[in-house]
Amino acid sequence: MADHFHHDTASLLALLHQGPLEEPCWNGFLVALRQQMEANAANIVLQMPSGEQKGIYTADSDFNDEIADKNLKITRDKYEEKYAPLSPFPYEIMRDNSLNRLEDVVTRKEFKSSRFYKEFCQPLDFEYQVCLVIVIDNGYRAYLHLTRGREKGNFPTESSALLMQLLPHLQISLRLYAELQFAKQNISVCNQMLDQLGVGIILLNMNSELLWQNPTAEKQIKESSNFQLKRKKFSITRIEKTGHKKHENPTWQSLVTDLLTSDDSFRCAAFTIEGDNPIGVLVRHWQNSLSVPDKLKPSLVITMIASGVNNPLNTVLIGQLFNLTPSEAKLAAQLTQGASLTEAANNLYITVSSARTYCKRIYAKTGVKRQTELVSLIRNSVAYIS
């Protein structure tokens, strides 16, 4: 068995390092590990650093088709709620990065007489169990569980040695997962802010193939017939640059070639895509030193801003920034978004006289003398991008 373990360790490590990219995470690793350990079930339970964040649960078992659905439902849907509190494993006090066998924490007699065994383990033939505690320094904590049935008997010494051999690789894999989640979180925050501002971002490689786009850009591409995305290759069918006669307007390919062959690191092209909602477009050659293949390296960055984007202003933030009452802040927001005093009064269901009174107070508090100054003040504040 020792030779068998040694022979398959390399394939286990490959699956383990691939785990953070899988859906569900580490599924391929669990399948291979369970088979190699001759276990009837294996799972990874990942706890997030914050108790408010839901962790992940990935499991594999050798249950036959007739009872697989029932047993997996018991394991996934009810274990945490009903059976986890009954588990003999003292998760809170188990040492970091330690291997714990069931017999280390409870006798066979105590285990078999427990409600945990009778209601959960016995129906699933979970007679023998091991739990590896995996902890990394950023707060992530995971538990790798393996179980065996009565027929296979307890886990041999070689299995414990294999799990401890895998421990540092599990920690690396967990760190990779944490970094990926951190990056996804940052991208999500940026996407939300760009969406509020109506800004689309597209990254293309040197062949104009799409590498990445934010949700706003994806929407803009779908809504404009001037944008084409076929087999991941992006192009703009009609480019009308300001100040150019029609016959002088460049094609997309000539524009790209001009940008990519220019020695100017700040070379860019700006134009407007006409339509019901005109879109301002800025295409820039992005020179970078990323050590990745050319087909994965961003060479062109496209920024697109649709005109007429008029998201509701955060009146609470306007009030905080300029010491305005809620009514004054709502009026200030209306005026900033282009409404006249009469229109703002109608929109807020107040009289024009009340609107004039609020307006005088707003001017006094902000130090402006006319509506254009108020609009400029608020549009240049963080309230406008909140």
Protein backbone atom coordinates (compact mmCIF):
# COMPACT_ATOMS: atom_id res chain seq x y z
CA MET A 1 0.00 0.00 0.00
CA ALA A 2 2.91 2.34 0.70
CA ASP A 3 4.10 2.02 -2.93
CA HIS A 4 0.53 2.71 -4.11
CA PHE A 5 0.36 5.89 -2.01
CA HIS A 6 3.75 7.10 -3.24
CA HIS A 7 2.87 6.39 -6.88
CA ASP A 8 -0.31 8.50 -6.84
CA THR A 9 0.91 11.45 -4.74
CA ALA A 10 1.95 13.45 -7.81
CA SER A 11 -1.49 13.17 -9.40
CA LEU A 12 -3.12 14.14 -6.10
CA LEU A 13 -0.95 17.26 -5.87
CA ALA A 14 -1.85 18.28 -9.42
CA LEU A 15 -5.56 17.98 -8.64
CA LEU A 16 -5.10 19.80 -5.33
CA HIS A 17 -3.43 22.81 -6.92
CA GLN A 18 -6.16 22.89 -9.58
CA GLY A 19 -8.80 22.87 -6.84
CA PRO A 20 -9.36 26.64 -6.36
CA LEU A 21 -10.26 26.93 -10.06
CA GLU A 22 -12.84 24.13 -9.98
CA GLU A 23 -16.56 24.38 -9.39
CA PRO A 24 -17.17 23.06 -6.82
CA CYS A 25 -13.73 23.72 -5.36
CA TRP A 26 -11.36 20.74 -4.94
CA ASN A 27 -13.92 18.28 -6.29
CA GLY A 28 -11.43 16.39 -8.47
CA PHE A 29 -8.95 16.19 -5.58
CA LEU A 30 -11.58 14.78 -3.22
CA VAL A 31 -12.63 12.10 -5.70
CA ALA A 32 -9.03 10.95 -6.20
CA LEU A 33 -8.14 11.15 -2.49
CA ARG A 34 -11.22 9.20 -1.43
CA GLN A 35 -10.43 6.45 -3.92
CA GLN A 36 -6.76 6.30 -2.96
CA MET A 37 -7.58 6.21 0.76
CA GLU A 38 -10.25 3.56 0.14
CA ALA A 39 -12.72 5.80 1.95
CA ASN A 40 -16.46 5.84 1.38
CA ALA A 41 -16.76 9.63 1.72
CA ALA A 42 -14.58 12.73 1.76
CA ASN A 43 -15.36 16.40 2.19
CA ILE A 44 -13.74 19.79 2.69
CA VAL A 45 -15.46 22.36 4.86
CA LEU A 46 -14.00 25.85 4.49
CA GLN A 47 -14.70 28.50 7.10
CA MET A 48 -14.32 32.15 6.09
CA PRO A 49 -12.43 34.65 8.28
CA SER A 50 -15.67 36.51 8.96
CA GLY A 51 -18.50 34.69 10.68
CA GLU A 52 -20.93 36.63 8.47
CA GLN A 53 -19.50 35.00 5.34
CA LYS A 54 -20.82 31.63 4.27
CA GLY A 55 -18.11 29.05 3.78
CA ILE A 56 -17.92 26.35 1.13
CA TYR A 57 -18.64 22.66 1.33
CA THR A 58 -17.44 20.12 -1.24
CA ALA A 59 -18.08 16.39 -0.85
CA ASP A 60 -17.59 13.09 -2.67
CA SER A 61 -18.79 9.60 -1.79
CA ASP A 62 -19.13 6.10 -3.21
CA PHE A 63 -22.84 5.78 -2.45
CA ASN A 64 -24.70 3.80 -5.09
CA ASP A 65 -27.19 5.54 -7.36
CA GLU A 66 -30.26 4.36 -5.44
CA ILE A 67 -29.33 6.10 -2.19
CA ALA A 68 -26.83 8.73 -3.35
CA ASP A 69 -29.35 11.54 -3.61
CA LYS A 70 -30.83 10.78 -0.21
CA ASN A 71 -27.50 10.46 1.54
CA LEU A 72 -25.93 13.53 -0.04
CA LYS A 73 -29.02 15.51 0.90
CA ILE A 74 -28.60 14.41 4.49
CA THR A 75 -24.92 15.25 4.41
CA ARG A 76 -25.16 18.67 2.79
CA ASP A 77 -28.49 20.07 3.86
CA LYS A 78 -28.85 18.81 7.39
CA TYR A 79 -25.42 18.06 8.76
CA GLU A 80 -24.47 21.60 9.76
CA GLU A 81 -27.88 22.34 11.24
CA LYS A 82 -28.72 19.05 12.93
CA TYR A 83 -25.67 16.83 13.29
CA ALA A 84 -22.58 19.08 13.46
CA PRO A 85 -23.29 20.03 17.10
CA LEU A 86 -23.31 16.30 17.93
CA SER A 87 -19.93 15.52 16.34
CA PRO A 88 -17.32 14.18 18.78
CA PHE A 89 -14.59 16.20 17.06
CA PRO A 90 -13.81 19.27 19.24
CA TYR A 91 -13.28 21.63 16.29
CA GLU A 92 -12.82 24.76 18.41
CA ILE A 93 -9.91 23.33 20.39
CA MET A 94 -8.24 21.07 17.82
CA ARG A 95 -4.72 22.23 17.13
CA ASP A 96 -4.02 24.15 13.95
CA ASN A 97 -2.66 21.99 11.11
CA SER A 98 -3.16 18.75 13.02
CA LEU A 99 -4.49 15.32 12.08
CA ASN A 100 -7.21 13.96 14.36
CA ARG A 101 -8.53 10.42 14.32
CA LEU A 102 -11.91 9.57 15.75
CA GLU A 103 -10.43 7.20 18.33
CA ASP A 104 -8.23 10.03 19.61
CA VAL A 105 -11.25 11.95 20.90
CA VAL A 106 -13.81 9.26 21.80
CA THR A 107 -13.85 5.53 22.58
CA ARG A 108 -15.59 3.11 20.20
CA LYS A 109 -18.16 2.33 22.85
CA GLU A 110 -18.99 6.00 23.46
CA PHE A 111 -19.11 6.67 19.73
CA LYS A 112 -21.52 3.81 18.94
CA SER A 113 -23.83 4.72 21.78
CA SER A 114 -24.02 8.38 20.73
CA ARG A 115 -26.93 9.99 18.90
CA PHE A 116 -24.42 11.25 16.30
CA TYR A 117 -23.55 7.65 15.39
CA LYS A 118 -27.08 6.25 15.48
CA GLU A 119 -28.78 8.99 13.48
CA PHE A 120 -26.01 10.08 11.12
CA CYS A 121 -22.97 7.80 10.91
CA GLN A 122 -24.57 4.36 11.09
CA PRO A 123 -27.08 4.91 8.25
CA LEU A 124 -24.24 6.13 6.03
CA ASP A 125 -21.74 3.46 7.20
CA PHE A 126 -19.36 6.08 8.60
CA GLU A 127 -17.56 3.81 11.07
CA TYR A 128 -14.09 5.32 11.05
CA GLN A 129 -13.15 8.97 10.57
CA VAL A 130 -10.13 11.25 10.33
CA CYS A 131 -10.10 15.04 10.28
CA LEU A 132 -7.21 17.21 9.08
CA VAL A 133 -7.29 20.82 10.33
CA ILE A 134 -5.80 23.26 7.79
CA VAL A 135 -5.14 26.87 8.82
CA ILE A 136 -3.40 29.74 7.04
CA ASP A 137 -2.37 33.10 8.44
CA ASN A 138 -5.11 35.21 6.81
CA GLY A 139 -7.85 33.62 8.90
CA TYR A 140 -9.08 30.91 6.56
CA ARG A 141 -9.65 27.57 8.26
CA ALA A 142 -10.60 24.30 6.61
CA TYR A 143 -11.41 20.77 7.71
CA LEU A 144 -10.70 17.78 5.50
CA HIS A 145 -12.80 14.77 6.57
CA LEU A 146 -12.52 11.18 5.36
CA THR A 147 -14.64 8.24 6.48
CA ARG A 148 -14.50 4.49 6.08
CA GLY A 149 -17.13 1.82 6.47
CA ARG A 150 -17.13 -1.34 8.56
CA GLU A 151 -15.93 -3.54 5.68
CA LYS A 152 -12.73 -1.58 4.98
CA GLY A 153 -11.80 -1.11 8.62
CA ASN A 154 -9.87 1.75 10.17
CA PHE A 155 -7.42 3.96 8.27
CA PRO A 156 -3.88 2.50 8.25
CA THR A 157 -0.76 4.37 9.36
CA GLU A 158 0.15 5.09 5.72
CA SER A 159 -3.01 7.12 5.25
CA SER A 160 -2.11 9.40 8.17
CA ALA A 161 1.37 9.89 6.72
CA LEU A 162 -0.09 10.78 3.32
CA LEU A 163 -2.45 13.38 4.78
CA MET A 164 0.38 15.05 6.70
CA GLN A 165 2.44 15.00 3.51
CA LEU A 166 -0.40 16.79 1.73
CA LEU A 167 -0.86 19.39 4.50
CA PRO A 168 1.60 22.08 3.25
CA HIS A 169 0.16 21.72 -0.27
CA LEU A 170 -3.35 22.10 1.12
CA GLN A 171 -2.21 25.31 2.80
CA ILE A 172 -0.81 26.62 -0.50
CA SER A 173 -4.03 25.72 -2.30
CA LEU A 174 -6.04 27.45 0.40
CA ARG A 175 -3.91 30.59 0.07
CA LEU A 176 -4.50 30.59 -3.69
CA TYR A 177 -8.23 30.31 -3.08
CA ALA A 178 -8.10 33.20 -0.61
CA GLU A 179 -6.16 35.39 -3.07
CA LEU A 180 -8.62 34.60 -5.86
CA GLN A 181 -11.57 35.50 -3.63
CA PHE A 182 -9.84 38.75 -2.63
CA ALA A 183 -9.26 39.65 -6.28
CA LYS A 184 -12.86 38.81 -7.20
CA GLN A 185 -14.09 40.98 -4.34
CA ASN A 186 -12.00 43.94 -5.50
CA ILE A 187 -13.17 43.53 -9.10
CA SER A 188 -16.78 43.38 -7.92
CA VAL A 189 -16.41 46.64 -5.99
CA CYS A 190 -14.77 48.37 -8.98
CA ASN A 191 -17.47 47.08 -11.31
CA GLN A 192 -20.20 48.48 -9.08
CA MET A 193 -18.55 51.92 -9.02
CA LEU A 194 -17.98 51.92 -12.80
CA ASP A 195 -21.57 50.84 -13.36
CA GLN A 196 -22.84 53.75 -11.26
CA LEU A 197 -20.76 56.11 -13.37
CA GLY A 198 -21.84 54.47 -16.63
CA VAL A 199 -18.24 53.63 -17.54
CA GLY A 200 -17.46 50.56 -19.63
CA ILE A 201 -13.94 49.05 -19.69
CA ILE A 202 -12.67 46.54 -22.27
CA LEU A 203 -9.25 44.88 -22.40
CA LEU A 204 -8.05 43.49 -25.74
CA ASN A 205 -4.89 41.69 -26.77
CA MET A 206 -2.83 42.77 -29.77
CA ASN A 207 -5.19 40.87 -32.09
CA SER A 208 -8.26 42.71 -30.74
CA GLU A 209 -9.39 39.56 -28.96
CA LEU A 210 -11.45 40.16 -25.82
CA LEU A 211 -9.60 39.45 -22.57
CA TRP A 212 -12.01 41.09 -20.12
CA GLN A 213 -14.96 43.46 -19.99
CA ASN A 214 -16.94 44.87 -17.11
CA PRO A 215 -20.75 44.44 -17.00
CA THR A 216 -21.34 48.01 -18.21
CA ALA A 217 -19.21 47.44 -21.33
CA GLU A 218 -20.98 44.14 -22.00
CA LYS A 219 -24.32 45.97 -21.91
CA GLN A 220 -23.05 48.79 -24.14
CA ILE A 221 -21.79 46.29 -26.73
CA LYS A 222 -25.15 44.51 -26.85
CA GLU A 223 -27.10 47.77 -27.20
CA SER A 224 -25.05 49.35 -30.03
CA SER A 225 -24.88 47.90 -33.53
CA ASN A 226 -21.56 49.71 -34.03
CA PHE A 227 -19.83 47.32 -31.64
CA GLN A 228 -19.09 43.82 -32.92
CA LEU A 229 -17.91 40.85 -30.87
CA LYS A 230 -17.55 37.69 -32.93
CA ARG A 231 -15.64 34.67 -31.67
CA LYS A 232 -14.15 36.89 -28.96
CA LYS A 233 -12.77 39.33 -31.56
CA PHE A 234 -13.85 42.93 -30.95
CA SER A 235 -14.29 45.66 -33.54
CA ILE A 236 -16.11 48.93 -34.13
CA THR A 237 -17.88 49.08 -37.48
CA ARG A 238 -18.09 52.86 -37.83
CA ILE A 239 -15.65 55.37 -36.38
CA GLU A 240 -16.28 59.09 -36.78
CA LYS A 241 -13.48 61.09 -35.22
CA THR A 242 -14.15 64.72 -34.39
CA GLY A 243 -12.84 67.09 -37.05
CA HIS A 244 -12.48 64.39 -39.73
CA LYS A 245 -14.27 64.35 -43.03
CA LYS A 246 -16.26 61.21 -43.67
CA HIS A 247 -13.79 59.69 -46.15
CA GLU A 248 -10.96 60.29 -43.69
CA ASN A 249 -12.48 58.28 -40.84
CA PRO A 250 -10.26 55.32 -40.04
CA THR A 251 -11.32 51.68 -39.99
CA TRP A 252 -11.02 49.80 -36.71
CA GLN A 253 -8.07 47.79 -38.02
CA SER A 254 -6.17 50.85 -39.22
CA LEU A 255 -6.79 52.60 -35.89
CA VAL A 256 -5.50 49.55 -33.97
CA THR A 257 -2.44 49.27 -36.19
CA ASP A 258 -1.70 52.97 -35.74
CA LEU A 259 -1.93 52.68 -31.96
CA LEU A 260 0.14 49.50 -31.65
CA THR A 261 2.95 50.70 -33.91
CA SER A 262 3.26 54.15 -32.37
CA ASP A 263 6.35 54.94 -30.29
CA ASP A 264 4.28 57.26 -28.10
CA SER A 265 3.41 55.40 -24.90
CA PHE A 266 0.44 57.73 -24.39
CA ARG A 267 -0.94 57.28 -27.90
CA CYS A 268 -4.73 57.17 -27.89
CA ALA A 269 -7.79 57.75 -30.07
CA ALA A 270 -11.05 59.39 -28.98
CA PHE A 271 -14.35 59.48 -30.85
CA THR A 272 -18.11 59.20 -30.36
CA ILE A 273 -20.42 56.38 -31.37
CA GLU A 274 -23.59 58.12 -32.50
CA GLY A 275 -27.07 56.78 -31.74
CA ASP A 276 -30.02 57.29 -29.44
CA ASN A 277 -27.58 57.30 -26.55
CA PRO A 278 -24.20 58.48 -27.90
CA ILE A 279 -21.18 56.74 -26.38
CA GLY A 280 -17.83 58.44 -25.97
CA VAL A 281 -14.95 56.05 -26.70
CA LEU A 282 -11.29 56.30 -25.75
CA VAL A 283 -8.91 53.65 -27.13
CA ARG A 284 -5.41 53.58 -25.70
CA HIS A 285 -2.36 51.44 -26.32
CA TRP A 286 -1.33 49.95 -23.01
CA GLN A 287 2.33 49.04 -22.82
CA ASN A 288 3.13 46.63 -20.04
CA SER A 289 5.80 44.18 -18.98
CA LEU A 290 3.56 41.32 -17.88
CA SER A 291 5.27 37.95 -18.25
CA VAL A 292 2.38 36.26 -20.04
CA PRO A 293 1.84 35.06 -23.61
CA ASP A 294 0.87 37.79 -26.09
CA LYS A 295 -2.62 36.34 -26.52
CA LEU A 296 -3.23 36.89 -22.78
CA LYS A 297 -1.50 40.27 -22.49
CA PRO A 298 -3.67 43.41 -22.55
CA SER A 299 -2.51 45.68 -25.40
CA LEU A 300 -5.55 47.92 -25.84
CA VAL A 301 -7.69 49.51 -23.17
CA ILE A 302 -11.07 50.84 -24.28
CA THR A 303 -13.03 53.21 -22.05
CA MET A 304 -16.65 53.90 -22.99
CA ILE A 305 -18.94 56.47 -21.37
CA ALA A 306 -22.58 56.75 -22.38
CA SER A 307 -24.10 60.21 -22.38
CA GLY A 308 -27.27 60.75 -20.44
CA VAL A 309 -26.26 58.56 -17.51
CA ASN A 310 -28.13 60.18 -14.67
CA ASN A 311 -28.12 57.95 -11.61
CA PRO A 312 -29.99 59.20 -8.53
CA LEU A 313 -27.75 61.19 -6.22
CA ASN A 314 -27.16 60.09 -2.65
CA THR A 315 -29.12 62.75 -0.76
CA VAL A 316 -27.98 61.43 2.62
CA LEU A 317 -24.35 62.00 1.62
CA ILE A 318 -25.17 65.44 0.17
CA GLY A 319 -26.72 66.35 3.52
CA GLN A 320 -23.67 65.15 5.43
CA LEU A 321 -21.18 66.92 3.17
CA PHE A 322 -22.89 70.30 3.16
CA ASN A 323 -24.80 70.22 6.47
CA LEU A 324 -28.18 70.24 4.72
CA THR A 325 -31.48 69.01 6.09
CA PRO A 326 -33.07 66.01 4.28
CA SER A 327 -35.48 68.36 2.45
CA GLU A 328 -32.67 70.70 1.43
CA ALA A 329 -30.50 67.79 0.26
CA LYS A 330 -33.33 66.41 -1.92
CA LEU A 331 -33.82 69.80 -3.52
CA ALA A 332 -30.07 70.21 -4.09
CA ALA A 333 -30.00 66.80 -5.82
CA GLN A 334 -32.90 67.75 -8.09
CA LEU A 335 -31.21 71.00 -9.10
CA THR A 336 -27.89 69.25 -9.70
CA GLN A 337 -29.57 66.80 -12.07
CA GLY A 338 -30.89 69.60 -14.23
CA ALA A 339 -34.34 70.35 -12.85
CA SER A 340 -35.57 73.93 -12.65
CA LEU A 341 -36.80 75.21 -9.31
CA THR A 342 -40.43 74.73 -10.40
CA GLU A 343 -39.75 71.22 -11.73
CA ALA A 344 -37.91 70.29 -8.53
CA ALA A 345 -40.83 71.56 -6.42
CA ASN A 346 -43.27 69.45 -8.44
CA ASN A 347 -41.03 66.36 -8.22
CA LEU A 348 -40.74 66.74 -4.43
CA TYR A 349 -44.43 67.59 -3.94
CA ILE A 350 -43.69 70.94 -2.30
CA THR A 351 -44.72 74.49 -3.18
CA VAL A 352 -42.49 76.73 -5.24
CA SER A 353 -42.41 79.10 -2.28
CA SER A 354 -41.03 76.33 -0.02
CA ALA A 355 -38.49 75.42 -2.71
CA ARG A 356 -37.27 79.04 -2.84
CA THR A 357 -36.89 79.06 0.96
CA TYR A 358 -34.91 75.81 0.90
CA CYS A 359 -32.80 77.14 -1.96
CA LYS A 360 -31.80 80.26 -0.01
CA ARG A 361 -30.75 78.07 2.92
CA ILE A 362 -28.76 75.81 0.61
CA TYR A 363 -26.93 78.78 -0.92
CA ALA A 364 -26.16 80.16 2.55
CA LYS A 365 -24.78 76.85 3.82
CA THR A 366 -22.71 76.02 0.73
CA GLY A 367 -21.50 79.56 0.03
CA VAL A 368 -22.73 79.64 -3.59
CA LYS A 369 -24.77 82.43 -5.19
CA ARG A 370 -26.49 80.70 -8.10
CA GLN A 371 -27.69 77.28 -9.28
CA THR A 372 -24.82 76.74 -11.72
CA GLU A 373 -22.34 77.11 -8.86
CA LEU A 374 -24.32 74.67 -6.74
CA VAL A 375 -24.37 72.13 -9.58
CA SER A 376 -20.61 72.49 -10.05
CA LEU A 377 -20.00 72.14 -6.30
CA ILE A 378 -21.99 68.91 -5.95
CA ARG A 379 -20.78 67.36 -9.21
CA ASN A 380 -17.19 67.86 -8.08
CA SER A 381 -17.88 66.21 -4.71
CA VAL A 382 -17.86 62.52 -3.78
CA ALA A 383 -21.67 62.66 -3.58
CA TYR A 384 -21.79 62.64 -7.37
CA ILE A 385 -19.99 59.28 -7.63
CA SER A 386 -21.47 57.60 -4.56
